[in-house]
C-alpha cells in the first residue's frame, strides 16, 4: 500500500507540475529601431525674400539688351542630411546666359550658403520666360 500511495503521490505531483507548466507565463523583453531616414530639404531666399517653388523670379519689365542683372540668393539646408547643390537651366532663351555662383555647394544640416544669380539679356527685345532648376542631392 505504501508503494501505491507513493506512486499516486508522484503521479499527482507530476500532473500538478504539468498543469503549472501549461499556465506558466514568461515575459520576453524586445527592442527594435527603425531609423528615421535622412531628409533633403532646403529654403531659398532671393534678394532677401523667401522663394516658393514654381513662382517666377521677376527680373523686371524694363530690361536693357545685352545687360547683366544680378540677384542675391541664399540657400539653407533645412533637412537632416548633408547635400550637394547643382543647378541646370534646361530652357534658357537663345542669346541669354545665366549663372549661379555659390559660396559653397555642399551644405550640412542647418547650414546656409549665399551667392549671386546673374542673368545677361539677349540682343533681341521681347518677352522671355525660362526655367532654372536648383537640385539638392544627398552627399
C-alpha atoms as a PDB file:
ATOM      1  CA  UNK A   1       0.000   0.000   0.000  1.00  0.00           C
ATOM      2  CA  UNK A   2       2.868   2.315   0.737  1.00  0.00           C
ATOM      3  CA  UNK A   3       4.089   1.796  -2.807  1.00  0.00           C
ATOM      4  CA  UNK A   4       0.658   2.690  -4.255  1.00  0.00           C
ATOM      5  CA  UNK A   5       0.466   5.847  -2.146  1.00  0.00           C
ATOM      6  CA  UNK A   6       3.955   6.863  -3.242  1.00  0.00           C
ATOM      7  CA  UNK A   7       3.160   6.209  -6.903  1.00  0.00           C
ATOM      8  CA  UNK A   8      -0.156   8.047  -6.532  1.00  0.00           C
ATOM      9  CA  UNK A   9       1.579  10.967  -4.837  1.00  0.00           C
ATOM     10  CA  UNK A  10       4.251  11.134  -7.581  1.00  0.00           C
ATOM     11  CA  UNK A  11       1.556  10.929 -10.241  1.00  0.00           C
ATOM     12  CA  UNK A  12      -0.394  13.780  -8.616  1.00  0.00           C
ATOM     13  CA  UNK A  13       2.823  15.844  -8.229  1.00  0.00           C
ATOM     14  CA  UNK A  14       3.703  15.223 -11.899  1.00  0.00           C
ATOM     15  CA  UNK A  15       0.206  16.276 -13.031  1.00  0.00           C
ATOM     16  CA  UNK A  16       0.406  19.435 -10.929  1.00  0.00           C
ATOM     17  CA  UNK A  17       3.845  20.190 -12.438  1.00  0.00           C
ATOM     18  CA  UNK A  18       2.443  19.725 -15.952  1.00  0.00           C
ATOM     19  CA  UNK A  19      -0.545  21.901 -15.100  1.00  0.00           C
ATOM     20  CA  UNK A  20       1.735  24.615 -13.752  1.00  0.00           C
ATOM     21  CA  UNK A  21       3.909  24.400 -16.851  1.00  0.00           C
ATOM     22  CA  UNK A  22       0.855  24.826 -19.082  1.00  0.00           C
ATOM     23  CA  UNK A  23      -0.167  28.007 -17.294  1.00  0.00           C
ATOM     24  CA  UNK A  24       3.278  29.486 -16.676  1.00  0.00           C
ATOM     25  CA  UNK A  25       3.928  32.908 -18.296  1.00  0.00           C
ATOM     26  CA  UNK A  26       7.264  34.249 -19.384  1.00  0.00           C
ATOM     27  CA  UNK A  27       7.863  37.839 -20.485  1.00  0.00           C
ATOM     28  CA  UNK A  28      10.485  38.302 -23.176  1.00  0.00           C
ATOM     29  CA  UNK A  29      11.694  41.862 -23.466  1.00  0.00           C
ATOM     30  CA  UNK A  30      12.171  43.123 -27.028  1.00  0.00           C
ATOM     31  CA  UNK A  31      13.516  46.226 -28.740  1.00  0.00           C
ATOM     32  CA  UNK A  32      13.853  47.342 -32.366  1.00  0.00           C
ATOM     33  CA  UNK A  33      14.801  50.602 -34.018  1.00  0.00           C
ATOM     34  CA  UNK A  34      13.829  51.783 -37.466  1.00  0.00           C
ATOM     35  CA  UNK A  35      15.942  54.868 -38.087  1.00  0.00           C
ATOM     36  CA  UNK A  36      14.262  57.987 -39.400  1.00  0.00           C
ATOM     37  CA  UNK A  37      15.513  58.425 -42.951  1.00  0.00           C
ATOM     38  CA  UNK A  38      17.606  61.491 -43.638  1.00  0.00           C
ATOM     39  CA  UNK A  39      15.752  64.222 -45.469  1.00  0.00           C
ATOM     40  CA  UNK A  40      16.941  66.599 -48.137  1.00  0.00           C
ATOM     41  CA  UNK A  41      15.029  69.881 -47.987  1.00  0.00           C
ATOM     42  CA  UNK A  42      16.019  73.488 -48.491  1.00  0.00           C
ATOM     43  CA  UNK A  43      14.760  77.034 -48.143  1.00  0.00           C
ATOM     44  CA  UNK A  44      15.725  79.623 -50.735  1.00  0.00           C
ATOM     45  CA  UNK A  45      15.595  83.397 -50.498  1.00  0.00           C
ATOM     46  CA  UNK A  46      16.159  85.743 -53.424  1.00  0.00           C
ATOM     47  CA  UNK A  47      17.102  89.312 -52.573  1.00  0.00           C
ATOM     48  CA  UNK A  48      16.013  88.543 -49.006  1.00  0.00           C
ATOM     49  CA  UNK A  49      12.519  87.349 -49.983  1.00  0.00           C
ATOM     50  CA  UNK A  50      11.538  83.705 -49.339  1.00  0.00           C
ATOM     51  CA  UNK A  51      11.164  81.870 -52.630  1.00  0.00           C
ATOM     52  CA  UNK A  52       8.279  79.463 -53.273  1.00  0.00           C
ATOM     53  CA  UNK A  53       8.938  76.685 -55.786  1.00  0.00           C
ATOM     54  CA  UNK A  54       7.175  77.322 -59.073  1.00  0.00           C
ATOM     55  CA  UNK A  55       6.901  81.084 -58.586  1.00  0.00           C
ATOM     56  CA  UNK A  56       8.598  83.066 -61.368  1.00  0.00           C
ATOM     57  CA  UNK A  57      11.595  85.190 -60.428  1.00  0.00           C
ATOM     58  CA  UNK A  58      10.762  88.618 -61.800  1.00  0.00           C
ATOM     59  CA  UNK A  59      13.707  90.364 -63.402  1.00  0.00           C
ATOM     60  CA  UNK A  60      11.661  93.409 -64.363  1.00  0.00           C
ATOM     61  CA  UNK A  61       9.783  94.887 -67.270  1.00  0.00           C
ATOM     62  CA  UNK A  62      12.337  97.478 -68.360  1.00  0.00           C
ATOM     63  CA  UNK A  63      15.494  95.468 -69.023  1.00  0.00           C
ATOM     64  CA  UNK A  64      18.112  96.647 -71.476  1.00  0.00           C
ATOM     65  CA  UNK A  65      19.533  94.420 -74.215  1.00  0.00           C
ATOM     66  CA  UNK A  66      22.977  92.866 -73.674  1.00  0.00           C
ATOM     67  CA  UNK A  67      22.959  93.844 -69.996  1.00  0.00           C
ATOM     68  CA  UNK A  68      23.853  91.884 -66.880  1.00  0.00           C
ATOM     69  CA  UNK A  69      21.472  91.780 -63.885  1.00  0.00           C
ATOM     70  CA  UNK A  70      22.032  90.104 -60.534  1.00  0.00           C
ATOM     71  CA  UNK A  71      20.050  88.885 -57.554  1.00  0.00           C
ATOM     72  CA  UNK A  72      21.411  87.729 -54.196  1.00  0.00           C
ATOM     73  CA  UNK A  73      20.449  84.154 -53.363  1.00  0.00           C
ATOM     74  CA  UNK A  74      20.622  82.269 -50.076  1.00  0.00           C
ATOM     75  CA  UNK A  75      20.091  78.528 -49.709  1.00  0.00           C
ATOM     76  CA  UNK A  76      19.590  76.914 -46.296  1.00  0.00           C
ATOM     77  CA  UNK A  77      19.669  73.171 -45.659  1.00  0.00           C
ATOM     78  CA  UNK A  78      16.517  72.590 -43.584  1.00  0.00           C
ATOM     79  CA  UNK A  79      16.771  68.799 -43.763  1.00  0.00           C
ATOM     80  CA  UNK A  80      18.706  66.228 -41.779  1.00  0.00           C
ATOM     81  CA  UNK A  81      21.166  65.105 -44.474  1.00  0.00           C
ATOM     82  CA  UNK A  82      24.193  66.850 -45.918  1.00  0.00           C
ATOM     83  CA  UNK A  83      23.523  67.686 -49.554  1.00  0.00           C
ATOM     84  CA  UNK A  84      25.236  68.911 -52.687  1.00  0.00           C
ATOM     85  CA  UNK A  85      23.674  71.700 -54.752  1.00  0.00           C
ATOM     86  CA  UNK A  86      23.615  71.642 -58.534  1.00  0.00           C
ATOM     87  CA  UNK A  87      21.723  73.795 -60.966  1.00  0.00           C
ATOM     88  CA  UNK A  88      20.626  73.496 -64.567  1.00  0.00           C
ATOM     89  CA  UNK A  89      18.844  75.802 -66.941  1.00  0.00           C
ATOM     90  CA  UNK A  90      17.008  73.495 -69.304  1.00  0.00           C
ATOM     91  CA  UNK A  91      15.157  76.182 -71.225  1.00  0.00           C
ATOM     92  CA  UNK A  92      17.062  79.485 -71.237  1.00  0.00           C
ATOM     93  CA  UNK A  93      16.219  81.590 -74.323  1.00  0.00           C
ATOM     94  CA  UNK A  94      18.719  81.834 -77.158  1.00  0.00           C
ATOM     95  CA  UNK A  95      21.258  84.583 -76.597  1.00  0.00           C
ATOM     96  CA  UNK A  96      20.644  84.795 -72.831  1.00  0.00           C
ATOM     97  CA  UNK A  97      23.069  83.499 -70.204  1.00  0.00           C
ATOM     98  CA  UNK A  98      22.542  82.732 -66.565  1.00  0.00           C
ATOM     99  CA  UNK A  99      24.980  81.718 -63.853  1.00  0.00           C
ATOM    100  CA  UNK A 100      24.654  80.770 -60.218  1.00  0.00           C
ATOM    101  CA  UNK A 101      27.760  81.339 -58.129  1.00  0.00           C
ATOM    102  CA  UNK A 102      27.526  79.955 -54.594  1.00  0.00           C
ATOM    103  CA  UNK A 103      29.960  80.295 -51.708  1.00  0.00           C
ATOM    104  CA  UNK A 104      29.548  76.562 -51.077  1.00  0.00           C
ATOM    105  CA  UNK A 105      27.830  73.764 -52.971  1.00  0.00           C
ATOM    106  CA  UNK A 106      27.828  71.256 -50.104  1.00  0.00           C
ATOM    107  CA  UNK A 107      25.678  72.047 -47.073  1.00  0.00           C
ATOM    108  CA  UNK A 108      25.441  70.256 -43.743  1.00  0.00           C
ATOM    109  CA  UNK A 109      22.055  70.214 -41.985  1.00  0.00           C
ATOM    110  CA  UNK A 110      21.013  73.742 -40.927  1.00  0.00           C
ATOM    111  CA  UNK A 111      23.937  75.313 -42.821  1.00  0.00           C
ATOM    112  CA  UNK A 112      23.423  78.242 -45.181  1.00  0.00           C
ATOM    113  CA  UNK A 113      25.250  79.415 -48.274  1.00  0.00           C
ATOM    114  CA  UNK A 114      24.953  82.610 -50.227  1.00  0.00           C
ATOM    115  CA  UNK A 115      25.638  83.529 -53.781  1.00  0.00           C
ATOM    116  CA  UNK A 116      24.746  85.531 -56.833  1.00  0.00           C
ATOM    117  CA  UNK A 117      22.278  84.630 -59.558  1.00  0.00           C
ATOM    118  CA  UNK A 118      23.257  86.504 -62.719  1.00  0.00           C
ATOM    119  CA  UNK A 119      21.355  86.837 -65.973  1.00  0.00           C
ATOM    120  CA  UNK A 120      22.596  88.545 -69.123  1.00  0.00           C
ATOM    121  CA  UNK A 121      19.936  89.606 -71.591  1.00  0.00           C
ATOM    122  CA  UNK A 122      19.990  88.882 -75.292  1.00  0.00           C
ATOM    123  CA  UNK A 123      20.321  91.429 -78.050  1.00  0.00           C
ATOM    124  CA  UNK A 124      16.746  90.870 -79.176  1.00  0.00           C
ATOM    125  CA  UNK A 125      13.849  92.663 -77.449  1.00  0.00           C
ATOM    126  CA  UNK A 126      10.829  90.624 -76.365  1.00  0.00           C
ATOM    127  CA  UNK A 127       9.096  88.849 -73.508  1.00  0.00           C
ATOM    128  CA  UNK A 128      11.099  85.861 -72.234  1.00  0.00           C
ATOM    129  CA  UNK A 129      10.498  83.009 -69.798  1.00  0.00           C
ATOM    130  CA  UNK A 130      12.714  80.092 -68.785  1.00  0.00           C
ATOM    131  CA  UNK A 131      13.339  77.621 -66.006  1.00  0.00           C
ATOM    132  CA  UNK A 132      16.187  77.295 -63.574  1.00  0.00           C
ATOM    133  CA  UNK A 133      16.415  74.084 -61.588  1.00  0.00           C
ATOM    134  CA  UNK A 134      18.278  74.019 -58.275  1.00  0.00           C
ATOM    135  CA  UNK A 135      18.705  70.471 -57.047  1.00  0.00           C
ATOM    136  CA  UNK A 136      19.874  69.233 -53.648  1.00  0.00           C
ATOM    137  CA  UNK A 137      21.216  65.668 -53.684  1.00  0.00           C
ATOM    138  CA  UNK A 138      22.215  63.802 -50.540  1.00  0.00           C
ATOM    139  CA  UNK A 139      26.004  63.824 -50.302  1.00  0.00           C
END
